[in-house]
C-alpha atoms as a PDB file:
ATOM      1  CA  MET A   1      -6.751  58.529  10.633  1.00  0.00           C
ATOM      2  CA  ILE A   2      -6.002  55.057   9.303  1.00  0.00           C
ATOM      3  CA  PHE A   3      -4.667  53.933  12.663  1.00  0.00           C
ATOM      4  CA  ILE A   4      -7.811  55.157  14.408  1.00  0.00           C
ATOM      5  CA  ALA A   5      -9.966  53.249  11.897  1.00  0.00           C
ATOM      6  CA  VAL A   6      -7.880  50.114  12.412  1.00  0.00           C
ATOM      7  CA  SER A   7      -8.175  50.373  16.184  1.00  0.00           C
ATOM      8  CA  ILE A   8     -11.953  50.765  15.914  1.00  0.00           C
ATOM      9  CA  ILE A   9     -12.158  47.713  13.623  1.00  0.00           C
ATOM     10  CA  LEU A  10     -10.110  45.593  16.013  1.00  0.00           C
ATOM     11  CA  ALA A  11     -12.006  46.771  19.094  1.00  0.00           C
ATOM     12  CA  ALA A  12     -15.382  46.081  17.500  1.00  0.00           C
ATOM     13  CA  ALA A  13     -14.277  42.642  16.337  1.00  0.00           C
ATOM     14  CA  ALA A  14     -12.933  41.718  19.776  1.00  0.00           C
ATOM     15  CA  LEU A  15     -16.030  43.020  21.557  1.00  0.00           C
ATOM     16  CA  GLY A  16     -18.402  41.247  19.184  1.00  0.00           C
ATOM     17  CA  ALA A  17     -16.544  37.961  19.436  1.00  0.00           C
ATOM     18  CA  SER A  18     -16.377  38.066  23.212  1.00  0.00           C
ATOM     19  CA  LEU A  19     -20.079  38.839  23.547  1.00  0.00           C
ATOM     20  CA  GLY A  20     -20.970  36.159  21.008  1.00  0.00           C
ATOM     21  CA  MET A  21     -18.861  33.501  22.683  1.00  0.00           C
ATOM     22  CA  SER A  22     -20.170  34.320  26.159  1.00  0.00           C
ATOM     23  CA  ASN A  23     -23.769  34.180  24.943  1.00  0.00           C
ATOM     24  CA  LEU A  24     -23.092  30.943  23.087  1.00  0.00           C
ATOM     25  CA  GLY A  25     -21.449  29.345  26.123  1.00  0.00           C
ATOM     26  CA  SER A  26     -24.224  30.352  28.479  1.00  0.00           C
ATOM     27  CA  LYS A  27     -26.867  28.938  26.146  1.00  0.00           C
ATOM     28  CA  LEU A  28     -24.919  25.687  25.843  1.00  0.00           C
ATOM     29  CA  LEU A  29     -24.756  25.291  29.613  1.00  0.00           C
ATOM     30  CA  GLU A  30     -28.423  26.167  29.971  1.00  0.00           C
ATOM     31  CA  SER A  31     -29.473  23.684  27.284  1.00  0.00           C
ATOM     32  CA  THR A  32     -27.259  20.937  28.682  1.00  0.00           C
ATOM     33  CA  ALA A  33     -28.694  21.473  32.158  1.00  0.00           C
ATOM     34  CA  ARG A  34     -32.245  21.188  30.828  1.00  0.00           C
ATOM     35  CA  GLN A  35     -31.661  18.103  28.663  1.00  0.00           C
ATOM     36  CA  PRO A  36     -28.447  16.276  29.578  1.00  0.00           C
ATOM     37  CA  GLU A  37     -29.077  13.524  27.046  1.00  0.00           C
ATOM     38  CA  LEU A  38     -28.578  16.014  24.201  1.00  0.00           C
ATOM     39  CA  ALA A  39     -25.156  17.154  25.460  1.00  0.00           C
ATOM     40  CA  PRO A  40     -23.029  15.477  22.744  1.00  0.00           C
ATOM     41  CA  SER A  41     -25.190  16.863  19.950  1.00  0.00           C
ATOM     42  CA  LEU A  42     -25.213  20.317  21.504  1.00  0.00           C
ATOM     43  CA  GLN A  43     -21.444  20.285  21.951  1.00  0.00           C
ATOM     44  CA  THR A  44     -20.885  19.451  18.306  1.00  0.00           C
ATOM     45  CA  LYS A  45     -23.105  22.315  17.215  1.00  0.00           C
ATOM     46  CA  PHE A  46     -21.423  24.594  19.761  1.00  0.00           C
ATOM     47  CA  PHE A  47     -17.962  23.994  18.319  1.00  0.00           C
ATOM     48  CA  ILE A  48     -19.144  24.569  14.746  1.00  0.00           C
ATOM     49  CA  ILE A  49     -20.815  27.852  15.645  1.00  0.00           C
ATOM     50  CA  ALA A  50     -17.881  28.896  17.845  1.00  0.00           C
ATOM     51  CA  GLY A  51     -15.598  28.509  14.846  1.00  0.00           C
ATOM     52  CA  LEU A  52     -17.879  30.709  12.776  1.00  0.00           C
ATOM     53  CA  VAL A  53     -18.067  33.328  15.535  1.00  0.00           C
ATOM     54  CA  GLU A  54     -14.281  33.392  15.836  1.00  0.00           C
ATOM     55  CA  ALA A  55     -13.851  33.746  12.069  1.00  0.00           C
ATOM     56  CA  ILE A  56     -15.277  37.264  12.107  1.00  0.00           C
ATOM     57  CA  PRO A  57     -12.480  38.813  14.237  1.00  0.00           C
ATOM     58  CA  ILE A  58      -9.903  37.032  12.086  1.00  0.00           C
ATOM     59  CA  ILE A  59     -11.435  38.628   8.992  1.00  0.00           C
ATOM     60  CA  GLY A  60     -11.413  41.973  10.829  1.00  0.00           C
ATOM     61  CA  VAL A  61      -7.704  41.593  11.585  1.00  0.00           C
ATOM     62  CA  GLY A  62      -7.066  40.809   7.927  1.00  0.00           C
ATOM     63  CA  ILE A  63      -8.921  43.926   6.808  1.00  0.00           C
ATOM     64  CA  ALA A  64      -7.081  46.002   9.396  1.00  0.00           C
ATOM     65  CA  LEU A  65      -3.715  44.717   8.194  1.00  0.00           C
ATOM     66  CA  VAL A  66      -4.633  45.528   4.596  1.00  0.00           C
ATOM     67  CA  LEU A  67      -5.558  49.046   5.650  1.00  0.00           C
ATOM     68  CA  VAL A  68      -2.352  49.551   7.595  1.00  0.00           C
ATOM     69  CA  PHE A  69       0.038  48.235   4.981  1.00  0.00           C
ATOM     70  CA  THR A  70      -1.612  49.621   1.842  1.00  0.00           C
ATOM     71  CA  MET A  71      -2.677  53.050   3.081  1.00  0.00           C
ATOM     72  CA  ALA A  72       0.158  53.974   5.438  1.00  0.00           C
END
């Protein structure tokens, strides 16, 4: 059962991160197309938020590894 829980955690983290990054990227392109003069500011904010979005799957992998190695 632990391995099923770990696989669900990893799948949810990967799905959430991929959806978040695709939505973030599309909004960046849309905003840059509307106001090109704000592109540098938008890019900076994009990279900060992208790092935060990618931190969630890394935390999920950490929790999954704890579950695998402490419970199994």
